[in-house]
Amino acid sequence: MSTPLQPTLRYALITRTTAATNVALALAGVAFVSLMAQLSFPLPGSPVPFTGQTLAVLLLGTAYGANLGLATISLYIAMGVAGLPLFTQGTHGLSHLTGATGGYLVGMAFASFIAGYLAEKKFDQRFSTVIPTMILSNVVIFTFGLLWLQHATGKSWSWTFAHGFTPFIAGEALKIAIASTSLPVVWRFISRLK
């Protein structure tokens, strides 16, 4: 049984969809996020490393749409917690969800849903709307991440921002720029093929 088409990249590229297609896409998405998680750099004094995960989440959520994006990131988290070495540096376990980085993981799930929902409204097809979409999605990730980091560490809010947000600003700006420029370009390419 196929689902109704939505204006996301996933439906533009794969017009016929089944449960098997969705499972295959979710597993491919998990592999992509896991691969991007391995692009990891520790930051001095911070329990949170800089990774490529957020870029993967922004791209997947937007390409897959709200429901499949959320399901994919939720599956990634569940598989990593269950013991598959999907998190940064091939690690796994419940401590990633309950520890200092847990809020970022939860935020990624919500951000994928928001990016996907806005993509279903065609926000990823124009530079003027994709940039705010990517910024909002990052705000969601860091809101959950900072609240969780402060609670998990018991440190002050100034420490939390200094170690859980400030070192990431330049990298996240670059990821937003990559996602915001690549998505409209892909849409233009697809529209020329039709």
C-alpha atoms as a PDB file:
ATOM      1  CA  MET A   1       0.000   0.000   0.000  1.00  0.00           C
ATOM      2  CA  SER A   2       1.398   3.384  -0.903  1.00  0.00           C
ATOM      3  CA  THR A   3       1.134   6.554   1.147  1.00  0.00           C
ATOM      4  CA  PRO A   4       0.059   9.928  -0.253  1.00  0.00           C
ATOM      5  CA  LEU A   5       2.886  11.885  -1.831  1.00  0.00           C
ATOM      6  CA  GLN A   6       4.309  14.856   0.023  1.00  0.00           C
ATOM      7  CA  PRO A   7       6.586  17.569  -1.391  1.00  0.00           C
ATOM      8  CA  THR A   8       9.816  16.278   0.152  1.00  0.00           C
ATOM      9  CA  LEU A   9      12.987  15.107  -1.568  1.00  0.00           C
ATOM     10  CA  ARG A  10      12.270  11.542  -0.555  1.00  0.00           C
ATOM     11  CA  TYR A  11       8.993  11.543  -2.513  1.00  0.00           C
ATOM     12  CA  ALA A  12      10.497  13.489  -5.415  1.00  0.00           C
ATOM     13  CA  LEU A  13      13.101  10.749  -5.861  1.00  0.00           C
ATOM     14  CA  ILE A  14      11.071   7.667  -4.852  1.00  0.00           C
ATOM     15  CA  THR A  15       7.465   8.161  -5.910  1.00  0.00           C
ATOM     16  CA  ARG A  16       6.194   4.695  -4.974  1.00  0.00           C
ATOM     17  CA  THR A  17       6.435   3.956  -1.291  1.00  0.00           C
ATOM     18  CA  THR A  18       5.764   0.838   0.738  1.00  0.00           C
ATOM     19  CA  ALA A  19       6.504  -0.309   4.271  1.00  0.00           C
ATOM     20  CA  ALA A  20       9.609  -2.054   2.925  1.00  0.00           C
ATOM     21  CA  THR A  21      10.752   1.178   1.268  1.00  0.00           C
ATOM     22  CA  ASN A  22      10.312   3.088   4.520  1.00  0.00           C
ATOM     23  CA  VAL A  23      12.246   0.469   6.497  1.00  0.00           C
ATOM     24  CA  ALA A  24      15.074   0.534   3.936  1.00  0.00           C
ATOM     25  CA  LEU A  25      15.186   4.347   4.031  1.00  0.00           C
ATOM     26  CA  ALA A  26      15.162   4.381   7.835  1.00  0.00           C
ATOM     27  CA  LEU A  27      18.044   1.894   7.997  1.00  0.00           C
ATOM     28  CA  ALA A  28      19.982   3.872   5.372  1.00  0.00           C
ATOM     29  CA  GLY A  29      19.327   6.997   7.425  1.00  0.00           C
ATOM     30  CA  VAL A  30      20.590   5.312  10.597  1.00  0.00           C
ATOM     31  CA  ALA A  31      23.753   4.327   8.744  1.00  0.00           C
ATOM     32  CA  PHE A  32      24.205   7.906   7.473  1.00  0.00           C
ATOM     33  CA  VAL A  33      23.762   9.480  10.930  1.00  0.00           C
ATOM     34  CA  SER A  34      26.109   6.891  12.429  1.00  0.00           C
ATOM     35  CA  LEU A  35      28.736   7.615   9.788  1.00  0.00           C
ATOM     36  CA  MET A  36      28.437  11.355  10.427  1.00  0.00           C
ATOM     37  CA  ALA A  37      28.709  10.709  14.185  1.00  0.00           C
ATOM     38  CA  GLN A  38      32.149   9.229  13.574  1.00  0.00           C
ATOM     39  CA  LEU A  39      33.285  12.642  12.302  1.00  0.00           C
ATOM     40  CA  SER A  40      33.928  13.572  15.896  1.00  0.00           C
ATOM     41  CA  PHE A  41      36.329  15.986  17.537  1.00  0.00           C
ATOM     42  CA  PRO A  42      36.607  16.306  21.319  1.00  0.00           C
ATOM     43  CA  LEU A  43      36.485  19.838  22.671  1.00  0.00           C
ATOM     44  CA  PRO A  44      38.737  20.721  25.612  1.00  0.00           C
ATOM     45  CA  GLY A  45      36.786  20.797  28.873  1.00  0.00           C
ATOM     46  CA  SER A  46      33.479  19.792  27.269  1.00  0.00           C
ATOM     47  CA  PRO A  47      31.750  16.428  27.686  1.00  0.00           C
ATOM     48  CA  VAL A  48      30.071  17.076  24.325  1.00  0.00           C
ATOM     49  CA  PRO A  49      32.168  16.435  21.176  1.00  0.00           C
ATOM     50  CA  PHE A  50      31.757  18.276  17.891  1.00  0.00           C
ATOM     51  CA  THR A  51      30.276  15.828  15.367  1.00  0.00           C
ATOM     52  CA  GLY A  52      28.658  15.682  11.964  1.00  0.00           C
ATOM     53  CA  GLN A  53      25.441  14.298  13.467  1.00  0.00           C
ATOM     54  CA  THR A  54      23.503  17.550  13.428  1.00  0.00           C
ATOM     55  CA  LEU A  55      24.162  18.061   9.717  1.00  0.00           C
ATOM     56  CA  ALA A  56      22.920  14.528   9.067  1.00  0.00           C
ATOM     57  CA  VAL A  57      19.797  15.200  11.134  1.00  0.00           C
ATOM     58  CA  LEU A  58      19.051  18.440   9.275  1.00  0.00           C
ATOM     59  CA  LEU A  59      19.456  16.788   5.878  1.00  0.00           C
ATOM     60  CA  LEU A  60      17.565  13.605   6.774  1.00  0.00           C
ATOM     61  CA  GLY A  61      14.672  15.324   8.481  1.00  0.00           C
ATOM     62  CA  THR A  62      14.243  17.642   5.538  1.00  0.00           C
ATOM     63  CA  ALA A  63      14.602  14.948   2.885  1.00  0.00           C
ATOM     64  CA  TYR A  64      12.449  12.346   4.637  1.00  0.00           C
ATOM     65  CA  GLY A  65       9.650  14.485   6.031  1.00  0.00           C
ATOM     66  CA  ALA A  66       8.378  14.736   9.591  1.00  0.00           C
ATOM     67  CA  ASN A  67       7.283  11.189  10.361  1.00  0.00           C
ATOM     68  CA  LEU A  68      10.005   9.211   8.623  1.00  0.00           C
ATOM     69  CA  GLY A  69      12.646  11.676   9.824  1.00  0.00           C
ATOM     70  CA  LEU A  70      11.519  11.300  13.445  1.00  0.00           C
ATOM     71  CA  ALA A  71      11.261   7.514  13.095  1.00  0.00           C
ATOM     72  CA  THR A  72      14.767   7.314  11.615  1.00  0.00           C
ATOM     73  CA  ILE A  73      16.457   9.382  14.336  1.00  0.00           C
ATOM     74  CA  SER A  74      14.473   7.558  17.035  1.00  0.00           C
ATOM     75  CA  LEU A  75      15.614   4.236  15.555  1.00  0.00           C
ATOM     76  CA  TYR A  76      19.218   5.475  15.509  1.00  0.00           C
ATOM     77  CA  ILE A  77      19.011   6.386  19.206  1.00  0.00           C
ATOM     78  CA  ALA A  78      17.287   3.113  20.145  1.00  0.00           C
ATOM     79  CA  MET A  79      19.828   0.988  18.259  1.00  0.00           C
ATOM     80  CA  GLY A  80      22.745   2.864  19.835  1.00  0.00           C
ATOM     81  CA  VAL A  81      21.286   2.528  23.318  1.00  0.00           C
ATOM     82  CA  ALA A  82      20.633  -1.187  22.679  1.00  0.00           C
ATOM     83  CA  GLY A  83      24.313  -1.818  22.019  1.00  0.00           C
ATOM     84  CA  LEU A  84      25.144  -1.184  18.374  1.00  0.00           C
ATOM     85  CA  PRO A  85      28.282   0.993  18.041  1.00  0.00           C
ATOM     86  CA  LEU A  86      26.525   3.910  16.320  1.00  0.00           C
ATOM     87  CA  PHE A  87      27.410   6.855  18.516  1.00  0.00           C
ATOM     88  CA  THR A  88      30.604   8.929  18.387  1.00  0.00           C
ATOM     89  CA  GLN A  89      33.823   6.937  18.179  1.00  0.00           C
ATOM     90  CA  GLY A  90      31.837   3.716  17.769  1.00  0.00           C
ATOM     91  CA  THR A  91      30.409   3.856  21.269  1.00  0.00           C
ATOM     92  CA  HIS A  92      26.975   2.749  22.473  1.00  0.00           C
ATOM     93  CA  GLY A  93      24.853   2.333  25.569  1.00  0.00           C
ATOM     94  CA  LEU A  94      22.217   3.945  27.728  1.00  0.00           C
ATOM     95  CA  SER A  95      24.748   6.345  29.269  1.00  0.00           C
ATOM     96  CA  HIS A  96      24.694   8.357  26.029  1.00  0.00           C
ATOM     97  CA  LEU A  97      21.007   9.008  26.564  1.00  0.00           C
ATOM     98  CA  THR A  98      21.058   9.513  30.330  1.00  0.00           C
ATOM     99  CA  GLY A  99      24.390  11.355  30.484  1.00  0.00           C
ATOM    100  CA  ALA A 100      25.585  14.767  29.387  1.00  0.00           C
ATOM    101  CA  THR A 101      24.902  14.220  25.677  1.00  0.00           C
ATOM    102  CA  GLY A 102      21.381  12.807  26.036  1.00  0.00           C
ATOM    103  CA  GLY A 103      19.607  16.098  25.483  1.00  0.00           C
ATOM    104  CA  TYR A 104      21.345  16.624  22.182  1.00  0.00           C
ATOM    105  CA  LEU A 105      20.191  13.191  21.006  1.00  0.00           C
ATOM    106  CA  VAL A 106      16.597  13.858  22.071  1.00  0.00           C
ATOM    107  CA  GLY A 107      16.789  17.316  20.506  1.00  0.00           C
ATOM    108  CA  MET A 108      17.921  15.748  17.241  1.00  0.00           C
ATOM    109  CA  ALA A 109      14.783  13.610  17.124  1.00  0.00           C
ATOM    110  CA  PHE A 110      12.541  16.653  17.629  1.00  0.00           C
ATOM    111  CA  ALA A 111      14.602  18.719  15.176  1.00  0.00           C
ATOM    112  CA  SER A 112      14.251  16.060  12.475  1.00  0.00           C
ATOM    113  CA  PHE A 113      10.474  16.195  12.915  1.00  0.00           C
ATOM    114  CA  ILE A 114      10.390  20.001  12.713  1.00  0.00           C
ATOM    115  CA  ALA A 115      12.717  20.150   9.684  1.00  0.00           C
ATOM    116  CA  GLY A 116      10.632  17.454   8.009  1.00  0.00           C
ATOM    117  CA  TYR A 117       7.345  19.174   8.776  1.00  0.00           C
ATOM    118  CA  LEU A 118       8.593  22.443   7.319  1.00  0.00           C
ATOM    119  CA  ALA A 119       9.971  20.594   4.276  1.00  0.00           C
ATOM    120  CA  GLU A 120       6.482  19.198   3.733  1.00  0.00           C
ATOM    121  CA  LYS A 121       5.421  22.858   3.490  1.00  0.00           C
ATOM    122  CA  LYS A 122       8.192  23.367   0.865  1.00  0.00           C
ATOM    123  CA  PHE A 123      10.400  25.425   3.197  1.00  0.00           C
ATOM    124  CA  ASP A 124      13.493  23.577   1.939  1.00  0.00           C
ATOM    125  CA  GLN A 125      13.000  24.632  -1.661  1.00  0.00           C
ATOM    126  CA  ARG A 126      13.962  28.315  -1.294  1.00  0.00           C
ATOM    127  CA  PHE A 127      16.953  29.950   0.350  1.00  0.00           C
ATOM    128  CA  SER A 128      14.688  32.454   2.116  1.00  0.00           C
ATOM    129  CA  THR A 129      12.817  29.717   3.996  1.00  0.00           C
ATOM    130  CA  VAL A 130      15.390  26.947   4.314  1.00  0.00           C
ATOM    131  CA  ILE A 131      17.807  29.084   6.355  1.00  0.00           C
ATOM    132  CA  PRO A 132      15.236  29.826   9.120  1.00  0.00           C
ATOM    133  CA  THR A 133      14.244  26.122   9.045  1.00  0.00           C
ATOM    134  CA  MET A 134      17.838  25.044   9.686  1.00  0.00           C
ATOM    135  CA  ILE A 135      18.325  27.682  12.395  1.00  0.00           C
ATOM    136  CA  LEU A 136      15.098  26.670  14.164  1.00  0.00           C
ATOM    137  CA  SER A 137      16.099  23.002  14.015  1.00  0.00           C
ATOM    138  CA  ASN A 138      19.473  23.825  15.578  1.00  0.00           C
ATOM    139  CA  VAL A 139      17.798  25.899  18.285  1.00  0.00           C
ATOM    140  CA  VAL A 140      15.691  22.853  19.173  1.00  0.00           C
ATOM    141  CA  ILE A 141      18.763  20.594  19.363  1.00  0.00           C
ATOM    142  CA  PHE A 142      20.687  23.004  21.568  1.00  0.00           C
ATOM    143  CA  THR A 143      17.710  23.834  23.795  1.00  0.00           C
ATOM    144  CA  PHE A 144      17.286  20.176  24.727  1.00  0.00           C
ATOM    145  CA  GLY A 145      21.049  19.697  24.826  1.00  0.00           C
ATOM    146  CA  LEU A 146      21.789  22.597  27.158  1.00  0.00           C
ATOM    147  CA  LEU A 147      18.910  21.871  29.538  1.00  0.00           C
ATOM    148  CA  TRP A 148      20.016  18.231  29.786  1.00  0.00           C
ATOM    149  CA  LEU A 149      23.730  19.091  30.036  1.00  0.00           C
ATOM    150  CA  GLN A 150      23.138  21.505  32.904  1.00  0.00           C
ATOM    151  CA  HIS A 151      20.990  18.975  34.743  1.00  0.00           C
ATOM    152  CA  ALA A 152      23.378  16.053  34.125  1.00  0.00           C
ATOM    153  CA  THR A 153      26.508  17.924  35.190  1.00  0.00           C
ATOM    154  CA  GLY A 154      25.048  20.148  37.906  1.00  0.00           C
ATOM    155  CA  LYS A 155      27.277  22.959  36.628  1.00  0.00           C
ATOM    156  CA  SER A 156      26.328  26.613  36.395  1.00  0.00           C
ATOM    157  CA  TRP A 157      24.497  27.984  33.378  1.00  0.00           C
ATOM    158  CA  SER A 158      27.563  30.013  32.402  1.00  0.00           C
ATOM    159  CA  TRP A 159      29.643  26.796  32.367  1.00  0.00           C
ATOM    160  CA  THR A 160      26.897  25.004  30.428  1.00  0.00           C
ATOM    161  CA  PHE A 161      26.812  27.651  27.698  1.00  0.00           C
ATOM    162  CA  ALA A 162      30.608  27.943  27.615  1.00  0.00           C
ATOM    163  CA  HIS A 163      31.052  24.166  27.154  1.00  0.00           C
ATOM    164  CA  GLY A 164      27.796  23.088  25.493  1.00  0.00           C
ATOM    165  CA  PHE A 165      27.054  25.908  23.076  1.00  0.00           C
ATOM    166  CA  THR A 166      29.748  28.540  22.471  1.00  0.00           C
ATOM    167  CA  PRO A 167      32.388  26.157  21.004  1.00  0.00           C
ATOM    168  CA  PHE A 168      29.819  24.867  18.513  1.00  0.00           C
ATOM    169  CA  ILE A 169      28.628  28.170  17.032  1.00  0.00           C
ATOM    170  CA  ALA A 170      31.054  28.354  14.093  1.00  0.00           C
ATOM    171  CA  GLY A 171      30.660  24.671  13.218  1.00  0.00           C
ATOM    172  CA  GLU A 172      26.876  24.799  13.385  1.00  0.00           C
ATOM    173  CA  ALA A 173      26.861  27.936  11.231  1.00  0.00           C
ATOM    174  CA  LEU A 174      28.873  26.006   8.644  1.00  0.00           C
ATOM    175  CA  LYS A 175      26.460  23.050   8.813  1.00  0.00           C
ATOM    176  CA  ILE A 176      23.484  25.388   8.414  1.00  0.00           C
ATOM    177  CA  ALA A 177      25.191  26.985   5.409  1.00  0.00           C
ATOM    178  CA  ILE A 178      25.857  23.569   3.830  1.00  0.00           C
ATOM    179  CA  ALA A 179      22.279  22.371   4.337  1.00  0.00           C
ATOM    180  CA  SER A 180      20.732  25.702   3.343  1.00  0.00           C
ATOM    181  CA  THR A 181      22.652  25.965   0.095  1.00  0.00           C
ATOM    182  CA  SER A 182      22.550  22.314  -0.963  1.00  0.00           C
ATOM    183  CA  LEU A 183      18.814  21.682  -0.522  1.00  0.00           C
ATOM    184  CA  PRO A 184      17.508  24.408  -2.895  1.00  0.00           C
ATOM    185  CA  VAL A 185      20.197  23.437  -5.429  1.00  0.00           C
ATOM    186  CA  VAL A 186      19.042  19.802  -5.330  1.00  0.00           C
ATOM    187  CA  TRP A 187      15.438  20.931  -5.816  1.00  0.00           C
ATOM    188  CA  ARG A 188      16.422  23.017  -8.842  1.00  0.00           C
ATOM    189  CA  PHE A 189      18.213  20.027 -10.320  1.00  0.00           C
ATOM    190  CA  ILE A 190      15.166  17.801  -9.740  1.00  0.00           C
ATOM    191  CA  SER A 191      12.814  20.365 -11.316  1.00  0.00           C
ATOM    192  CA  ARG A 192      14.992  20.411 -14.451  1.00  0.00           C
ATOM    193  CA  LEU A 193      14.707  16.624 -14.758  1.00  0.00           C
ATOM    194  CA  LYS A 194      10.918  16.726 -14.792  1.00  0.00           C
END
